[in-house]
Every structure is written in structure tokens, then in C-alpha cells.
């Protein structure tokens, strides 16, 4: 199964829980929920939402905006699994900080 994310196609190698199109529909729901903020200060990959900002004050405002948008659709976040106000974050296969984007060495394996 393949589906379009914001910048590229994503393909599962194994269908999770044998639910046909569940991940596609979930990604679409998340994109529809925060569509007006995508590429302005947020990006998504399934249930991972990355919020980026220039200042801490702006970041707090962005977090509130996204939480409000999620609540509008009766969606919530798990605060225990969330990272807030971080200068460095692991996102998908990358480590992102204020200066650069690097490949996540934890995800790299020797051939």
C-alpha cells in the first residue's frame, strides 16, 4: 500500500493490523485537520506532528493553535509521548535542530 504524504510517497512493507486503507485515511484526516498550518509552522507524518518556530513565544502560540485544531475534531495528544520546546528532536529518520537536519544514526544499520 502506498499513499501520498506532504512531500513524497510512503509505502508500508507490511500492512499493519490487516486494515485496508486505515493509515491513508488517518493521514488524510490529520492533514485536513491542520491543513491551513502545513508548511507554515507544522508538518505531519501519520500521528507525528512537528511544530517549528523562530521564538519560544511563537512556539507556544503555535502549540496552542494545533491543539485547538485537533480538539475541534475531537482528537487529542498524549503528553507523555510528546516533546515540547525542544531545540533538538528526532523526527522520522532525521535529527532536526535549529542549525541543521541530519540523518538519525540510531536508524542507520551496517550493510
C-alpha atoms as a PDB file:
ATOM      1  CA  UNK A   1       0.000   0.000   0.000  1.00  0.00           C
ATOM      2  CA  UNK A   2       1.327   3.425  -0.932  1.00  0.00           C
ATOM      3  CA  UNK A   3      -0.033   6.844  -0.059  1.00  0.00           C
ATOM      4  CA  UNK A   4       0.976  10.419  -0.637  1.00  0.00           C
ATOM      5  CA  UNK A   5       2.275  12.426   2.291  1.00  0.00           C
ATOM      6  CA  UNK A   6       3.110  16.091   2.029  1.00  0.00           C
ATOM      7  CA  UNK A   7       6.375  15.746   0.100  1.00  0.00           C
ATOM      8  CA  UNK A   8       6.687  12.169  -1.064  1.00  0.00           C
ATOM      9  CA  UNK A   9       5.040   8.777  -1.259  1.00  0.00           C
ATOM     10  CA  UNK A  10       5.121   6.463   1.730  1.00  0.00           C
ATOM     11  CA  UNK A  11       4.930   2.708   1.334  1.00  0.00           C
ATOM     12  CA  UNK A  12       4.361   0.120   4.027  1.00  0.00           C
ATOM     13  CA  UNK A  13       6.328  -3.077   3.690  1.00  0.00           C
ATOM     14  CA  UNK A  14       3.791  -4.904   5.877  1.00  0.00           C
ATOM     15  CA  UNK A  15       0.128  -3.965   6.222  1.00  0.00           C
ATOM     16  CA  UNK A  16      -0.490  -3.129   9.865  1.00  0.00           C
ATOM     17  CA  UNK A  17      -3.371  -4.944  11.572  1.00  0.00           C
ATOM     18  CA  UNK A  18      -4.705  -6.001   8.161  1.00  0.00           C
ATOM     19  CA  UNK A  19      -6.764  -2.808   7.998  1.00  0.00           C
ATOM     20  CA  UNK A  20      -7.038  -1.770   4.385  1.00  0.00           C
ATOM     21  CA  UNK A  21      -6.544   1.997   3.856  1.00  0.00           C
ATOM     22  CA  UNK A  22      -6.667   2.828   7.590  1.00  0.00           C
ATOM     23  CA  UNK A  23      -3.330   4.637   7.560  1.00  0.00           C
ATOM     24  CA  UNK A  24      -4.253   6.507   4.385  1.00  0.00           C
ATOM     25  CA  UNK A  25      -7.480   7.735   5.915  1.00  0.00           C
ATOM     26  CA  UNK A  26      -5.758   8.697   9.160  1.00  0.00           C
ATOM     27  CA  UNK A  27      -3.079  10.700   7.315  1.00  0.00           C
ATOM     28  CA  UNK A  28      -5.774  12.451   5.312  1.00  0.00           C
ATOM     29  CA  UNK A  29      -7.739  13.254   8.470  1.00  0.00           C
ATOM     30  CA  UNK A  30      -4.661  14.754  10.149  1.00  0.00           C
ATOM     31  CA  UNK A  31      -3.797  16.759   7.013  1.00  0.00           C
ATOM     32  CA  UNK A  32      -7.383  18.025   6.756  1.00  0.00           C
ATOM     33  CA  UNK A  33      -7.397  18.928  10.456  1.00  0.00           C
ATOM     34  CA  UNK A  34      -4.333  21.167  10.294  1.00  0.00           C
ATOM     35  CA  UNK A  35      -4.194  21.906   6.553  1.00  0.00           C
ATOM     36  CA  UNK A  36      -4.083  25.682   6.968  1.00  0.00           C
ATOM     37  CA  UNK A  37      -0.896  25.422   9.067  1.00  0.00           C
ATOM     38  CA  UNK A  38       1.021  22.857   6.995  1.00  0.00           C
ATOM     39  CA  UNK A  39       4.308  24.292   5.721  1.00  0.00           C
ATOM     40  CA  UNK A  40       3.761  27.490   7.717  1.00  0.00           C
ATOM     41  CA  UNK A  41       4.864  26.097  11.057  1.00  0.00           C
ATOM     42  CA  UNK A  42       3.976  22.414  11.065  1.00  0.00           C
ATOM     43  CA  UNK A  43       4.361  19.143   9.183  1.00  0.00           C
ATOM     44  CA  UNK A  44       2.881  15.704   9.775  1.00  0.00           C
ATOM     45  CA  UNK A  45       3.569  12.052   9.203  1.00  0.00           C
ATOM     46  CA  UNK A  46       0.665   9.945  10.411  1.00  0.00           C
ATOM     47  CA  UNK A  47       0.487  10.621  14.152  1.00  0.00           C
ATOM     48  CA  UNK A  48       3.739  12.615  14.331  1.00  0.00           C
ATOM     49  CA  UNK A  49       3.181  16.366  14.227  1.00  0.00           C
ATOM     50  CA  UNK A  50       6.249  18.580  14.068  1.00  0.00           C
ATOM     51  CA  UNK A  51       5.799  22.231  15.046  1.00  0.00           C
ATOM     52  CA  UNK A  52       8.666  24.586  14.249  1.00  0.00           C
ATOM     53  CA  UNK A  53       9.031  28.230  15.275  1.00  0.00           C
ATOM     54  CA  UNK A  54      11.578  31.040  15.385  1.00  0.00           C
ATOM     55  CA  UNK A  55      10.985  32.047  19.021  1.00  0.00           C
ATOM     56  CA  UNK A  56       9.723  30.417  22.194  1.00  0.00           C
ATOM     57  CA  UNK A  57       6.788  32.837  22.363  1.00  0.00           C
ATOM     58  CA  UNK A  58       5.805  31.991  18.790  1.00  0.00           C
ATOM     59  CA  UNK A  59       6.240  28.277  19.519  1.00  0.00           C
ATOM     60  CA  UNK A  60       3.842  28.411  22.475  1.00  0.00           C
ATOM     61  CA  UNK A  61       1.270  30.124  20.265  1.00  0.00           C
ATOM     62  CA  UNK A  62       1.733  27.511  17.523  1.00  0.00           C
ATOM     63  CA  UNK A  63       1.273  24.660  20.002  1.00  0.00           C
ATOM     64  CA  UNK A  64      -1.992  26.196  21.238  1.00  0.00           C
ATOM     65  CA  UNK A  65      -3.231  26.648  17.650  1.00  0.00           C
ATOM     66  CA  UNK A  66      -2.523  22.999  16.754  1.00  0.00           C
ATOM     67  CA  UNK A  67      -4.061  21.652  19.972  1.00  0.00           C
ATOM     68  CA  UNK A  68      -7.166  23.753  19.353  1.00  0.00           C
ATOM     69  CA  UNK A  69      -7.399  22.443  15.766  1.00  0.00           C
ATOM     70  CA  UNK A  70      -7.096  18.847  16.998  1.00  0.00           C
ATOM     71  CA  UNK A  71      -9.712  19.390  19.711  1.00  0.00           C
ATOM     72  CA  UNK A  72     -12.100  20.783  17.099  1.00  0.00           C
ATOM     73  CA  UNK A  73     -12.069  17.300  15.522  1.00  0.00           C
ATOM     74  CA  UNK A  74     -12.167  15.574  18.947  1.00  0.00           C
ATOM     75  CA  UNK A  75      -8.538  14.483  18.636  1.00  0.00           C
ATOM     76  CA  UNK A  76      -6.069  14.686  21.479  1.00  0.00           C
ATOM     77  CA  UNK A  77      -2.362  14.312  22.146  1.00  0.00           C
ATOM     78  CA  UNK A  78      -0.595  12.007  24.533  1.00  0.00           C
ATOM     79  CA  UNK A  79       1.544  14.392  26.578  1.00  0.00           C
ATOM     80  CA  UNK A  80       3.729  11.530  27.851  1.00  0.00           C
ATOM     81  CA  UNK A  81       4.765  10.727  24.271  1.00  0.00           C
ATOM     82  CA  UNK A  82       5.152  14.374  23.264  1.00  0.00           C
ATOM     83  CA  UNK A  83       8.193  16.630  23.317  1.00  0.00           C
ATOM     84  CA  UNK A  84       7.673  20.367  23.774  1.00  0.00           C
ATOM     85  CA  UNK A  85      10.017  23.348  23.454  1.00  0.00           C
ATOM     86  CA  UNK A  86      12.944  21.252  22.278  1.00  0.00           C
ATOM     87  CA  UNK A  87      15.947  22.616  20.380  1.00  0.00           C
ATOM     88  CA  UNK A  88      16.704  19.139  19.008  1.00  0.00           C
ATOM     89  CA  UNK A  89      14.178  16.491  18.017  1.00  0.00           C
ATOM     90  CA  UNK A  90      14.180  13.090  16.325  1.00  0.00           C
ATOM     91  CA  UNK A  91      11.589  13.089  13.552  1.00  0.00           C
ATOM     92  CA  UNK A  92      11.157  10.138  11.233  1.00  0.00           C
ATOM     93  CA  UNK A  93      14.683   9.225  10.047  1.00  0.00           C
ATOM     94  CA  UNK A  94      16.213  12.570  10.950  1.00  0.00           C
ATOM     95  CA  UNK A  95      17.538  14.596  13.859  1.00  0.00           C
ATOM     96  CA  UNK A  96      16.450  18.212  13.498  1.00  0.00           C
ATOM     97  CA  UNK A  97      17.916  21.125  15.410  1.00  0.00           C
ATOM     98  CA  UNK A  98      17.932  24.865  14.887  1.00  0.00           C
ATOM     99  CA  UNK A  99      21.028  24.721  12.679  1.00  0.00           C
ATOM    100  CA  UNK A 100      20.687  21.605  10.562  1.00  0.00           C
ATOM    101  CA  UNK A 101      18.933  18.399   9.642  1.00  0.00           C
ATOM    102  CA  UNK A 102      20.949  15.196   9.992  1.00  0.00           C
ATOM    103  CA  UNK A 103      20.255  11.542   9.392  1.00  0.00           C
ATOM    104  CA  UNK A 104      19.355   9.732  12.582  1.00  0.00           C
ATOM    105  CA  UNK A 105      22.317   7.475  13.357  1.00  0.00           C
ATOM    106  CA  UNK A 106      20.028   5.277  15.502  1.00  0.00           C
ATOM    107  CA  UNK A 107      18.151   4.321  12.343  1.00  0.00           C
ATOM    108  CA  UNK A 108      21.284   3.587  10.317  1.00  0.00           C
ATOM    109  CA  UNK A 109      22.399  -0.011  10.032  1.00  0.00           C
ATOM    110  CA  UNK A 110      25.507  -1.533   8.526  1.00  0.00           C
ATOM    111  CA  UNK A 111      25.051  -3.490   5.355  1.00  0.00           C
END
